[in-house]
Amino acid sequence: MEERDLLPDPLAQFASWYEEAPELRDAMALATATPSGAPSVRMVLLKSFDEGGFTFHTNYASRKGRELEANPRAALLFHWREQGRQARIEGTVERTSREDSEAYYRTRPPGARLSAAASPQSQPVGSRAELESLVEQARAHYGEDPPLPEHWGGFRVVPDAYEFWLHGDDRLHDRFRYERDGDGWRMTRLAP
């Protein structure tokens, strides 16, 4: 892969690779860190991406939510094994608007909305039965249409860097990094 093979806009380049990878394309690794730098990573679902950033939703009181509030920077990783490709994105993090969170929340199945309302995500629970009881309590209170919980919503990762990686034989991979440069982007080839 040569620089001329890549689009000058990293979002357009990401969209191109994303469209060519239908399997598990919405699964992304999200890396966060505490204010002291202790890292944490987990898989989350990409809900949307555009010029504003890459959006996912979660419980704001979860470990990732707390870490993002305290240290609003994150890294994303998309790995498309069949295509031999990876895309990395690094940037600042902001909450989406309550309206955006509500719009997405309403697309979730009722059971997923009840779980979001009931689950004390990342907190210890005594048993599976206790967790199921919390969901049943939410169902008894709200029926099948719980409102958007105050503790739940979207985060948007606003990129300041992208990296595109293409598998090469003998570990001679191609890597290109885009970094913000004023109103545009500067592209650099990196050694594998």
N, C-alpha and C. Protein backbone atom coordinates (compact mmCIF):
# COMPACT_ATOMS: atom_id res chain seq x y z
N MET A 1 0.86 -1.17 0.00
CA MET A 1 0.00 0.00 0.00
C MET A 1 0.90 1.23 0.00
N GLU A 2 0.58 2.15 -0.84
CA GLU A 2 1.33 3.40 -0.94
C GLU A 2 0.42 4.55 -0.53
N GLU A 3 1.02 5.68 -0.21
CA GLU A 3 0.25 6.85 0.20
C GLU A 3 -0.81 7.20 -0.84
N ARG A 4 -0.48 7.05 -2.11
CA ARG A 4 -1.44 7.38 -3.18
C ARG A 4 -2.67 6.46 -3.16
N ASP A 5 -2.56 5.30 -2.48
CA ASP A 5 -3.69 4.37 -2.39
C ASP A 5 -4.70 4.78 -1.33
N LEU A 6 -4.33 5.76 -0.50
CA LEU A 6 -5.19 6.20 0.59
C LEU A 6 -5.83 7.53 0.25
N LEU A 7 -7.03 7.73 0.77
CA LEU A 7 -7.72 9.00 0.58
C LEU A 7 -7.11 10.07 1.49
N PRO A 8 -7.10 11.33 1.07
CA PRO A 8 -6.49 12.37 1.91
C PRO A 8 -7.27 12.66 3.19
N ASP A 9 -8.55 12.34 3.22
CA ASP A 9 -9.40 12.54 4.40
C ASP A 9 -9.49 11.22 5.16
N PRO A 10 -8.99 11.14 6.39
CA PRO A 10 -8.99 9.86 7.10
C PRO A 10 -10.40 9.34 7.40
N LEU A 11 -11.38 10.22 7.57
CA LEU A 11 -12.75 9.75 7.79
C LEU A 11 -13.26 9.04 6.53
N ALA A 12 -12.98 9.59 5.36
CA ALA A 12 -13.38 8.94 4.11
C ALA A 12 -12.64 7.62 3.94
N GLN A 13 -11.36 7.58 4.34
CA GLN A 13 -10.61 6.32 4.25
C GLN A 13 -11.21 5.28 5.19
N PHE A 14 -11.55 5.71 6.41
CA PHE A 14 -12.19 4.78 7.35
C PHE A 14 -13.51 4.26 6.76
N ALA A 15 -14.32 5.15 6.24
CA ALA A 15 -15.62 4.75 5.68
C ALA A 15 -15.44 3.73 4.55
N SER A 16 -14.42 3.92 3.74
CA SER A 16 -14.14 2.98 2.65
C SER A 16 -13.82 1.59 3.20
N TRP A 17 -12.92 1.51 4.16
CA TRP A 17 -12.58 0.21 4.75
C TRP A 17 -13.77 -0.37 5.51
N TYR A 18 -14.50 0.45 6.20
CA TYR A 18 -15.67 0.00 6.97
C TYR A 18 -16.69 -0.67 6.05
N GLU A 19 -16.95 -0.08 4.91
CA GLU A 19 -17.93 -0.63 3.97
C GLU A 19 -17.45 -1.95 3.37
N GLU A 20 -16.16 -2.16 3.31
CA GLU A 20 -15.61 -3.39 2.73
C GLU A 20 -15.49 -4.51 3.76
N ALA A 21 -15.93 -4.30 4.99
CA ALA A 21 -15.77 -5.29 6.06
C ALA A 21 -17.10 -5.55 6.75
N PRO A 22 -18.03 -6.25 6.09
CA PRO A 22 -19.35 -6.42 6.71
C PRO A 22 -19.36 -7.27 7.97
N GLU A 23 -18.40 -8.18 8.13
CA GLU A 23 -18.41 -9.04 9.31
C GLU A 23 -17.89 -8.26 10.52
N LEU A 24 -18.69 -8.24 11.54
CA LEU A 24 -18.29 -7.61 12.82
C LEU A 24 -17.76 -6.20 12.66
N ARG A 25 -18.22 -5.48 11.68
CA ARG A 25 -17.63 -4.17 11.45
C ARG A 25 -17.98 -3.16 12.53
N ASP A 26 -19.07 -3.39 13.29
CA ASP A 26 -19.46 -2.44 14.33
C ASP A 26 -18.79 -2.71 15.66
N ALA A 27 -18.06 -3.84 15.77
CA ALA A 27 -17.37 -4.16 17.02
C ALA A 27 -16.05 -3.40 17.07
N MET A 28 -15.86 -2.65 18.14
CA MET A 28 -14.61 -1.91 18.29
C MET A 28 -14.10 -2.04 19.71
N ALA A 29 -12.79 -2.06 19.83
CA ALA A 29 -12.17 -2.04 21.15
C ALA A 29 -12.07 -0.57 21.57
N LEU A 30 -12.47 -0.31 22.80
CA LEU A 30 -12.42 1.03 23.38
C LEU A 30 -11.43 1.00 24.53
N ALA A 31 -10.38 1.81 24.42
CA ALA A 31 -9.39 1.91 25.49
C ALA A 31 -9.57 3.24 26.21
N THR A 32 -9.62 3.15 27.53
CA THR A 32 -9.72 4.32 28.39
C THR A 32 -8.60 4.23 29.42
N ALA A 33 -8.46 5.27 30.23
CA ALA A 33 -7.46 5.25 31.29
C ALA A 33 -7.94 6.11 32.44
N THR A 34 -7.51 5.76 33.62
CA THR A 34 -7.79 6.58 34.80
C THR A 34 -6.94 7.84 34.72
N PRO A 35 -7.21 8.83 35.57
CA PRO A 35 -6.36 10.03 35.57
C PRO A 35 -4.89 9.71 35.86
N SER A 36 -4.63 8.63 36.59
CA SER A 36 -3.23 8.26 36.87
C SER A 36 -2.61 7.42 35.76
N GLY A 37 -3.40 7.09 34.73
CA GLY A 37 -2.85 6.38 33.58
C GLY A 37 -3.08 4.88 33.54
N ALA A 38 -3.80 4.32 34.51
CA ALA A 38 -4.08 2.88 34.48
C ALA A 38 -5.04 2.58 33.33
N PRO A 39 -4.61 1.75 32.36
CA PRO A 39 -5.44 1.51 31.17
C PRO A 39 -6.51 0.46 31.40
N SER A 40 -7.52 0.51 30.54
CA SER A 40 -8.60 -0.47 30.54
C SER A 40 -9.12 -0.53 29.11
N VAL A 41 -9.45 -1.73 28.64
CA VAL A 41 -9.97 -1.88 27.28
C VAL A 41 -11.11 -2.89 27.29
N ARG A 42 -12.09 -2.66 26.42
CA ARG A 42 -13.22 -3.57 26.29
C ARG A 42 -13.83 -3.39 24.91
N MET A 43 -14.64 -4.36 24.49
CA MET A 43 -15.34 -4.27 23.21
C MET A 43 -16.67 -3.54 23.43
N VAL A 44 -16.98 -2.63 22.52
CA VAL A 44 -18.26 -1.93 22.52
C VAL A 44 -18.75 -1.89 21.07
N LEU A 45 -19.98 -1.46 20.89
CA LEU A 45 -20.56 -1.37 19.56
C LEU A 45 -20.55 0.06 19.05
N LEU A 46 -19.99 0.24 17.88
CA LEU A 46 -20.06 1.54 17.20
C LEU A 46 -21.50 1.76 16.77
N LYS A 47 -22.05 2.89 17.13
CA LYS A 47 -23.43 3.20 16.73
C LYS A 47 -23.50 4.13 15.55
N SER A 48 -22.52 5.01 15.40
CA SER A 48 -22.49 5.89 14.24
C SER A 48 -21.12 6.54 14.16
N PHE A 49 -20.81 7.04 12.96
CA PHE A 49 -19.62 7.86 12.78
C PHE A 49 -19.88 8.85 11.67
N ASP A 50 -19.33 10.04 11.86
CA ASP A 50 -19.45 11.12 10.88
C ASP A 50 -18.38 12.15 11.19
N GLU A 51 -18.51 13.33 10.60
CA GLU A 51 -17.50 14.38 10.81
C GLU A 51 -17.38 14.76 12.28
N GLY A 52 -18.44 14.52 13.07
CA GLY A 52 -18.39 14.86 14.49
C GLY A 52 -17.64 13.87 15.34
N GLY A 53 -17.48 12.63 14.87
CA GLY A 53 -16.77 11.63 15.64
C GLY A 53 -17.43 10.26 15.58
N PHE A 54 -16.99 9.39 16.48
CA PHE A 54 -17.41 7.99 16.56
C PHE A 54 -18.21 7.81 17.85
N THR A 55 -19.45 7.34 17.73
CA THR A 55 -20.37 7.33 18.86
C THR A 55 -20.69 5.91 19.35
N PHE A 56 -20.73 5.76 20.66
CA PHE A 56 -21.20 4.53 21.31
C PHE A 56 -22.00 4.95 22.53
N HIS A 57 -22.75 4.02 23.11
CA HIS A 57 -23.60 4.33 24.26
C HIS A 57 -23.30 3.39 25.41
N THR A 58 -23.51 3.89 26.63
CA THR A 58 -23.20 3.10 27.81
C THR A 58 -23.85 3.70 29.05
N ASN A 59 -23.66 3.03 30.15
CA ASN A 59 -24.03 3.53 31.47
C ASN A 59 -22.92 4.50 31.90
N TYR A 60 -23.28 5.75 32.17
CA TYR A 60 -22.27 6.75 32.55
C TYR A 60 -21.59 6.40 33.87
N ALA A 61 -22.24 5.58 34.71
CA ALA A 61 -21.65 5.19 35.99
C ALA A 61 -20.80 3.93 35.88
N SER A 62 -20.70 3.34 34.68
CA SER A 62 -19.85 2.16 34.48
C SER A 62 -18.38 2.56 34.61
N ARG A 63 -17.52 1.58 34.64
CA ARG A 63 -16.09 1.88 34.74
C ARG A 63 -15.65 2.76 33.57
N LYS A 64 -16.05 2.40 32.34
CA LYS A 64 -15.63 3.21 31.20
C LYS A 64 -16.21 4.61 31.27
N GLY A 65 -17.45 4.72 31.72
CA GLY A 65 -18.08 6.03 31.86
C GLY A 65 -17.35 6.90 32.87
N ARG A 66 -17.02 6.32 34.01
CA ARG A 66 -16.30 7.07 35.04
C ARG A 66 -14.90 7.47 34.56
N GLU A 67 -14.22 6.54 33.87
CA GLU A 67 -12.89 6.87 33.38
C GLU A 67 -12.94 7.97 32.32
N LEU A 68 -13.94 7.92 31.45
CA LEU A 68 -14.04 8.95 30.41
C LEU A 68 -14.41 10.31 30.98
N GLU A 69 -15.19 10.33 32.04
CA GLU A 69 -15.51 11.61 32.69
C GLU A 69 -14.27 12.20 33.35
N ALA A 70 -13.44 11.34 33.96
CA ALA A 70 -12.26 11.82 34.67
C ALA A 70 -11.08 12.11 33.73
N ASN A 71 -11.01 11.38 32.61
CA ASN A 71 -9.91 11.51 31.66
C ASN A 71 -10.52 11.40 30.26
N PRO A 72 -11.02 12.50 29.70
CA PRO A 72 -11.80 12.45 28.46
C PRO A 72 -10.99 12.27 27.19
N ARG A 73 -10.19 11.20 27.17
CA ARG A 73 -9.45 10.78 25.98
C ARG A 73 -9.65 9.29 25.83
N ALA A 74 -9.66 8.82 24.58
CA ALA A 74 -9.85 7.39 24.34
C ALA A 74 -9.18 7.00 23.04
N ALA A 75 -8.99 5.69 22.89
CA ALA A 75 -8.50 5.11 21.64
C ALA A 75 -9.47 4.02 21.24
N LEU A 76 -9.71 3.92 19.93
CA LEU A 76 -10.57 2.89 19.36
C LEU A 76 -9.73 2.02 18.44
N LEU A 77 -10.10 0.74 18.35
CA LEU A 77 -9.44 -0.16 17.42
C LEU A 77 -10.49 -1.00 16.72
N PHE A 78 -10.43 -1.01 15.40
CA PHE A 78 -11.25 -1.88 14.57
C PHE A 78 -10.31 -2.89 13.94
N HIS A 79 -10.61 -4.17 14.06
CA HIS A 79 -9.78 -5.22 13.47
C HIS A 79 -10.65 -6.03 12.52
N TRP A 80 -10.30 -5.99 11.25
CA TRP A 80 -11.03 -6.73 10.23
C TRP A 80 -10.10 -7.81 9.69
N ARG A 81 -10.15 -8.96 10.35
CA ARG A 81 -9.20 -10.05 10.08
C ARG A 81 -9.26 -10.52 8.63
N GLU A 82 -10.46 -10.71 8.11
CA GLU A 82 -10.60 -11.23 6.74
C GLU A 82 -9.93 -10.33 5.71
N GLN A 83 -9.95 -9.03 5.96
CA GLN A 83 -9.33 -8.09 5.04
C GLN A 83 -7.86 -7.81 5.39
N GLY A 84 -7.41 -8.33 6.54
CA GLY A 84 -6.04 -8.07 6.98
C GLY A 84 -5.81 -6.61 7.30
N ARG A 85 -6.83 -5.99 7.93
CA ARG A 85 -6.76 -4.55 8.17
C ARG A 85 -7.09 -4.21 9.63
N GLN A 86 -6.50 -3.10 10.07
CA GLN A 86 -6.86 -2.50 11.34
C GLN A 86 -6.95 -0.99 11.14
N ALA A 87 -7.85 -0.38 11.88
CA ALA A 87 -7.93 1.08 11.93
C ALA A 87 -7.93 1.48 13.40
N ARG A 88 -7.04 2.40 13.74
CA ARG A 88 -6.96 2.94 15.10
C ARG A 88 -7.36 4.40 15.05
N ILE A 89 -8.08 4.83 16.10
CA ILE A 89 -8.52 6.21 16.19
C ILE A 89 -8.25 6.68 17.61
N GLU A 90 -7.66 7.86 17.75
CA GLU A 90 -7.38 8.43 19.07
C GLU A 90 -8.00 9.82 19.10
N GLY A 91 -8.55 10.19 20.27
CA GLY A 91 -9.10 11.53 20.35
C GLY A 91 -9.69 11.87 21.69
N THR A 92 -10.28 13.03 21.72
CA THR A 92 -10.96 13.50 22.92
C THR A 92 -12.38 12.93 22.93
N VAL A 93 -12.99 12.94 24.10
CA VAL A 93 -14.31 12.35 24.26
C VAL A 93 -15.27 13.37 24.85
N GLU A 94 -16.48 13.35 24.33
CA GLU A 94 -17.54 14.22 24.85
C GLU A 94 -18.83 13.42 24.90
N ARG A 95 -19.73 13.83 25.77
CA ARG A 95 -21.05 13.20 25.79
C ARG A 95 -21.86 13.68 24.60
N THR A 96 -22.71 12.80 24.09
CA THR A 96 -23.66 13.24 23.07
C THR A 96 -24.78 14.01 23.77
N SER A 97 -25.59 14.69 23.02
CA SER A 97 -26.71 15.42 23.62
C SER A 97 -27.74 14.43 24.18
N ARG A 98 -28.52 14.91 25.12
CA ARG A 98 -29.59 14.08 25.67
C ARG A 98 -30.56 13.66 24.56
N GLU A 99 -30.80 14.53 23.61
CA GLU A 99 -31.71 14.23 22.50
C GLU A 99 -31.14 13.11 21.62
N ASP A 100 -29.85 13.16 21.35
CA ASP A 100 -29.22 12.09 20.56
C ASP A 100 -29.27 10.77 21.31
N SER A 101 -29.01 10.81 22.61
CA SER A 101 -29.06 9.59 23.41
C SER A 101 -30.48 9.02 23.42
N GLU A 102 -31.46 9.89 23.57
CA GLU A 102 -32.87 9.47 23.58
C GLU A 102 -33.25 8.84 22.24
N ALA A 103 -32.83 9.45 21.15
CA ALA A 103 -33.17 8.92 19.83
C ALA A 103 -32.61 7.52 19.64
N TYR A 104 -31.35 7.31 20.05
CA TYR A 104 -30.79 5.97 19.92
C TYR A 104 -31.47 5.00 20.89
N TYR A 105 -31.67 5.42 22.13
CA TYR A 105 -32.27 4.57 23.15
C TYR A 105 -33.61 4.00 22.67
N ARG A 106 -34.38 4.80 21.98
CA ARG A 106 -35.70 4.37 21.50
C ARG A 106 -35.60 3.31 20.40
N THR A 107 -34.43 3.14 19.78
CA THR A 107 -34.27 2.10 18.75
C THR A 107 -33.95 0.75 19.37
N ARG A 108 -33.60 0.73 20.66
CA ARG A 108 -33.23 -0.53 21.32
C ARG A 108 -34.47 -1.35 21.63
N PRO A 109 -34.37 -2.67 21.61
CA PRO A 109 -35.51 -3.51 22.00
C PRO A 109 -35.90 -3.26 23.46
N PRO A 110 -37.16 -3.49 23.82
CA PRO A 110 -37.60 -3.23 25.21
C PRO A 110 -36.72 -3.90 26.26
N GLY A 111 -36.33 -5.15 26.03
CA GLY A 111 -35.49 -5.84 27.01
C GLY A 111 -34.16 -5.15 27.23
N ALA A 112 -33.56 -4.63 26.16
CA ALA A 112 -32.28 -3.91 26.29
C ALA A 112 -32.47 -2.59 27.02
N ARG A 113 -33.61 -1.93 26.82
CA ARG A 113 -33.89 -0.69 27.55
C ARG A 113 -34.09 -0.99 29.03
N LEU A 114 -34.80 -2.09 29.34
CA LEU A 114 -35.00 -2.46 30.75
C LEU A 114 -33.66 -2.79 31.40
N SER A 115 -32.80 -3.50 30.69
CA SER A 115 -31.48 -3.82 31.25
C SER A 115 -30.68 -2.56 31.51
N ALA A 116 -30.73 -1.60 30.58
CA ALA A 116 -30.01 -0.34 30.77
C ALA A 116 -30.53 0.40 31.99
N ALA A 117 -31.84 0.35 32.19
CA ALA A 117 -32.44 1.05 33.34
C ALA A 117 -32.10 0.37 34.66
N ALA A 118 -31.97 -0.96 34.63
CA ALA A 118 -31.84 -1.72 35.87
C ALA A 118 -30.41 -2.05 36.28
N SER A 119 -29.53 -2.24 35.33
CA SER A 119 -28.20 -2.76 35.65
C SER A 119 -27.29 -1.72 36.29
N PRO A 120 -26.72 -2.04 37.44
CA PRO A 120 -25.68 -1.18 38.02
C PRO A 120 -24.33 -1.54 37.38
N GLN A 121 -24.18 -1.26 36.11
CA GLN A 121 -23.05 -1.74 35.31
C GLN A 121 -21.72 -1.51 36.00
N SER A 122 -20.89 -2.53 35.97
CA SER A 122 -19.54 -2.54 36.54
C SER A 122 -19.53 -2.63 38.07
N GLN A 123 -20.69 -2.67 38.71
CA GLN A 123 -20.76 -2.78 40.17
C GLN A 123 -20.98 -4.25 40.55
N PRO A 124 -20.49 -4.67 41.71
CA PRO A 124 -20.70 -6.06 42.13
C PRO A 124 -22.19 -6.36 42.36
N VAL A 125 -22.60 -7.55 41.96
CA VAL A 125 -23.95 -8.06 42.27
C VAL A 125 -23.76 -9.44 42.87
N GLY A 126 -24.68 -9.80 43.75
CA GLY A 126 -24.55 -11.06 44.48
C GLY A 126 -24.76 -12.29 43.64
N SER A 127 -25.62 -12.20 42.63
CA SER A 127 -25.92 -13.38 41.83
C SER A 127 -26.65 -12.97 40.55
N ARG A 128 -26.77 -13.93 39.66
CA ARG A 128 -27.56 -13.71 38.45
C ARG A 128 -29.01 -13.44 38.84
N ALA A 129 -29.51 -14.15 39.85
CA ALA A 129 -30.90 -13.96 40.30
C ALA A 129 -31.12 -12.52 40.77
N GLU A 130 -30.14 -11.94 41.43
CA GLU A 130 -30.27 -10.55 41.88
C GLU A 130 -30.37 -9.60 40.69
N LEU A 131 -29.55 -9.85 39.68
CA LEU A 131 -29.58 -9.02 38.47
C LEU A 131 -30.93 -9.16 37.77
N GLU A 132 -31.42 -10.38 37.63
CA GLU A 132 -32.73 -10.61 37.00
C GLU A 132 -33.84 -9.96 37.81
N SER A 133 -33.72 -9.95 39.12
CA SER A 133 -34.70 -9.30 39.98
C SER A 133 -34.74 -7.79 39.74
N LEU A 134 -33.56 -7.19 39.54
CA LEU A 134 -33.52 -5.76 39.25
C LEU A 134 -34.25 -5.44 37.94
N VAL A 135 -34.08 -6.29 36.94
CA VAL A 135 -34.77 -6.09 35.67
C VAL A 135 -36.28 -6.24 35.87
N GLU A 136 -36.69 -7.22 36.64
CA GLU A 136 -38.13 -7.42 36.89
C GLU A 136 -38.72 -6.25 37.67
N GLN A 137 -37.95 -5.69 38.59
CA GLN A 137 -38.42 -4.50 39.31
C GLN A 137 -38.60 -3.32 38.35
N ALA A 138 -37.67 -3.17 37.42
CA ALA A 138 -37.79 -2.10 36.41
C ALA A 138 -39.02 -2.34 35.54
N ARG A 139 -39.25 -3.59 35.16
CA ARG A 139 -40.42 -3.93 34.33
C ARG A 139 -41.71 -3.62 35.11
N ALA A 140 -41.76 -3.95 36.39
CA ALA A 140 -42.95 -3.69 37.21
C ALA A 140 -43.19 -2.18 37.32
N HIS A 141 -42.13 -1.42 37.38
CA HIS A 141 -42.25 0.03 37.53
C HIS A 141 -42.60 0.74 36.21
N TYR A 142 -41.94 0.32 35.11
CA TYR A 142 -42.08 1.03 33.83
C TYR A 142 -42.91 0.30 32.78
N GLY A 143 -43.20 -0.97 33.00
CA GLY A 143 -43.80 -1.75 31.93
C GLY A 143 -42.72 -2.08 30.90
N GLU A 144 -43.10 -2.17 29.64
CA GLU A 144 -42.15 -2.51 28.58
C GLU A 144 -41.56 -1.28 27.89
N ASP A 145 -41.81 -0.09 28.45
CA ASP A 145 -41.32 1.13 27.81
C ASP A 145 -40.64 2.05 28.83
N PRO A 146 -39.47 1.63 29.36
CA PRO A 146 -38.80 2.48 30.35
C PRO A 146 -38.23 3.73 29.70
N PRO A 147 -38.25 4.85 30.41
CA PRO A 147 -37.65 6.08 29.86
C PRO A 147 -36.13 5.98 29.86
N LEU A 148 -35.49 6.87 29.13
CA LEU A 148 -34.04 6.94 29.12
C LEU A 148 -33.55 7.26 30.53
N PRO A 149 -32.75 6.37 31.12
CA PRO A 149 -32.23 6.65 32.47
C PRO A 149 -31.27 7.85 32.46
N GLU A 150 -31.24 8.58 33.55
CA GLU A 150 -30.31 9.71 33.67
C GLU A 150 -28.86 9.25 33.59
N HIS A 151 -28.61 7.99 33.99
CA HIS A 151 -27.24 7.48 34.05
C HIS A 151 -26.79 6.82 32.74
N TRP A 152 -27.52 6.99 31.66
CA TRP A 152 -27.23 6.26 30.43
C TRP A 152 -27.25 7.21 29.24
N GLY A 153 -26.29 7.02 28.31
CA GLY A 153 -26.29 7.86 27.12
C GLY A 153 -25.07 7.62 26.26
N GLY A 154 -24.85 8.52 25.34
CA GLY A 154 -23.79 8.36 24.36
C GLY A 154 -22.54 9.14 24.67
N PHE A 155 -21.44 8.59 24.16
CA PHE A 155 -20.15 9.28 24.14
C PHE A 155 -19.71 9.35 22.69
N ARG A 156 -19.01 10.42 22.35
CA ARG A 156 -18.46 10.60 21.01
C ARG A 156 -16.95 10.79 21.13
N VAL A 157 -16.20 9.98 20.39
CA VAL A 157 -14.75 10.14 20.31
C VAL A 157 -14.48 11.05 19.11
N VAL A 158 -13.89 12.21 19.36
CA VAL A 158 -13.58 13.19 18.32
C VAL A 158 -12.11 12.99 17.94
N PRO A 159 -11.85 12.47 16.75
CA PRO A 159 -10.48 12.07 16.39
C PRO A 159 -9.50 13.24 16.25
N ASP A 160 -8.29 13.01 16.77
CA ASP A 160 -7.18 13.88 16.43
C ASP A 160 -6.07 13.09 15.76
N ALA A 161 -6.26 11.75 15.67
CA ALA A 161 -5.32 10.90 14.94
C ALA A 161 -6.02 9.62 14.48
N TYR A 162 -5.63 9.15 13.31
CA TYR A 162 -6.08 7.87 12.76
C TYR A 162 -4.82 7.10 12.36
N GLU A 163 -4.91 5.78 12.43
CA GLU A 163 -3.85 4.96 11.87
C GLU A 163 -4.48 3.80 11.11
N PHE A 164 -3.99 3.56 9.91
CA PHE A 164 -4.47 2.46 9.08
C PHE A 164 -3.33 1.47 8.89
N TRP A 165 -3.63 0.19 9.12
CA TRP A 165 -2.65 -0.89 9.09
C TRP A 165 -3.14 -1.95 8.12
N LEU A 166 -2.26 -2.38 7.22
CA LEU A 166 -2.59 -3.43 6.26
C LEU A 166 -1.57 -4.54 6.41
N HIS A 167 -2.06 -5.77 6.56
CA HIS A 167 -1.20 -6.93 6.73
C HIS A 167 -0.25 -7.08 5.55
N GLY A 168 0.99 -7.42 5.84
CA GLY A 168 1.98 -7.72 4.81
C GLY A 168 2.69 -9.01 5.14
N ASP A 169 3.14 -9.73 4.11
CA ASP A 169 3.89 -10.96 4.33
C ASP A 169 5.16 -10.67 5.11
N ASP A 170 5.63 -11.68 5.84
CA ASP A 170 6.86 -11.58 6.62
C ASP A 170 6.83 -10.41 7.60
N ARG A 171 5.63 -10.08 8.06
CA ARG A 171 5.42 -9.00 9.03
C ARG A 171 5.86 -7.63 8.51
N LEU A 172 5.93 -7.49 7.20
CA LEU A 172 6.26 -6.21 6.60
C LEU A 172 4.95 -5.49 6.29
N HIS A 173 4.26 -5.08 7.37
CA HIS A 173 2.95 -4.47 7.26
C HIS A 173 3.07 -3.02 6.79
N ASP A 174 1.99 -2.51 6.23
CA ASP A 174 1.91 -1.10 5.87
C ASP A 174 1.13 -0.36 6.95
N ARG A 175 1.68 0.75 7.41
CA ARG A 175 1.04 1.58 8.44
C ARG A 175 1.12 3.03 8.02
N PHE A 176 -0.02 3.70 8.08
CA PHE A 176 -0.07 5.13 7.81
C PHE A 176 -0.82 5.81 8.94
N ARG A 177 -0.27 6.89 9.43
CA ARG A 177 -0.88 7.66 10.51
C ARG A 177 -1.27 9.04 9.97
N TYR A 178 -2.50 9.44 10.28
CA TYR A 178 -2.99 10.78 9.96
C TYR A 178 -3.06 11.54 11.28
N GLU A 179 -2.52 12.75 11.30
CA GLU A 179 -2.64 13.61 12.48
C GLU A 179 -3.16 14.96 12.05
N ARG A 180 -3.94 15.58 12.93
CA ARG A 180 -4.48 16.90 12.62
C ARG A 180 -3.33 17.86 12.34
N ASP A 181 -3.56 18.69 11.32
CA ASP A 181 -2.58 19.70 10.93
C ASP A 181 -3.37 20.93 10.53
N GLY A 182 -3.64 21.81 11.49
CA GLY A 182 -4.51 22.96 11.23
C GLY A 182 -5.92 22.48 10.93
N ASP A 183 -6.44 22.87 9.78
CA ASP A 183 -7.78 22.43 9.38
C ASP A 183 -7.75 21.14 8.58
N GLY A 184 -6.56 20.60 8.33
CA GLY A 184 -6.43 19.39 7.52
C GLY A 184 -5.75 18.28 8.29
N TRP A 185 -5.17 17.37 7.51
CA TRP A 185 -4.53 16.18 8.07
C TRP A 185 -3.16 15.98 7.42
N ARG A 186 -2.19 15.57 8.22
CA ARG A 186 -0.85 15.22 7.74
C ARG A 186 -0.72 13.70 7.81
N MET A 187 -0.30 13.08 6.72
CA MET A 187 -0.15 11.62 6.67
C MET A 187 1.33 11.25 6.71
N THR A 188 1.64 10.22 7.52
CA THR A 188 3.01 9.75 7.66
C THR A 188 3.03 8.23 7.59
N ARG A 189 3.97 7.67 6.83
CA ARG A 189 4.15 6.23 6.84
C ARG A 189 4.95 5.86 8.10
N LEU A 190 4.51 4.79 8.78
CA LEU A 190 5.21 4.28 9.96
C LEU A 190 5.80 2.91 9.66
N ALA A 191 6.94 2.62 10.26
CA ALA A 191 7.51 1.27 10.14
C ALA A 191 6.61 0.29 10.88
N PRO A 192 6.56 -0.96 10.40
CA PRO A 192 5.72 -1.93 11.09
C PRO A 192 6.30 -2.29 12.43
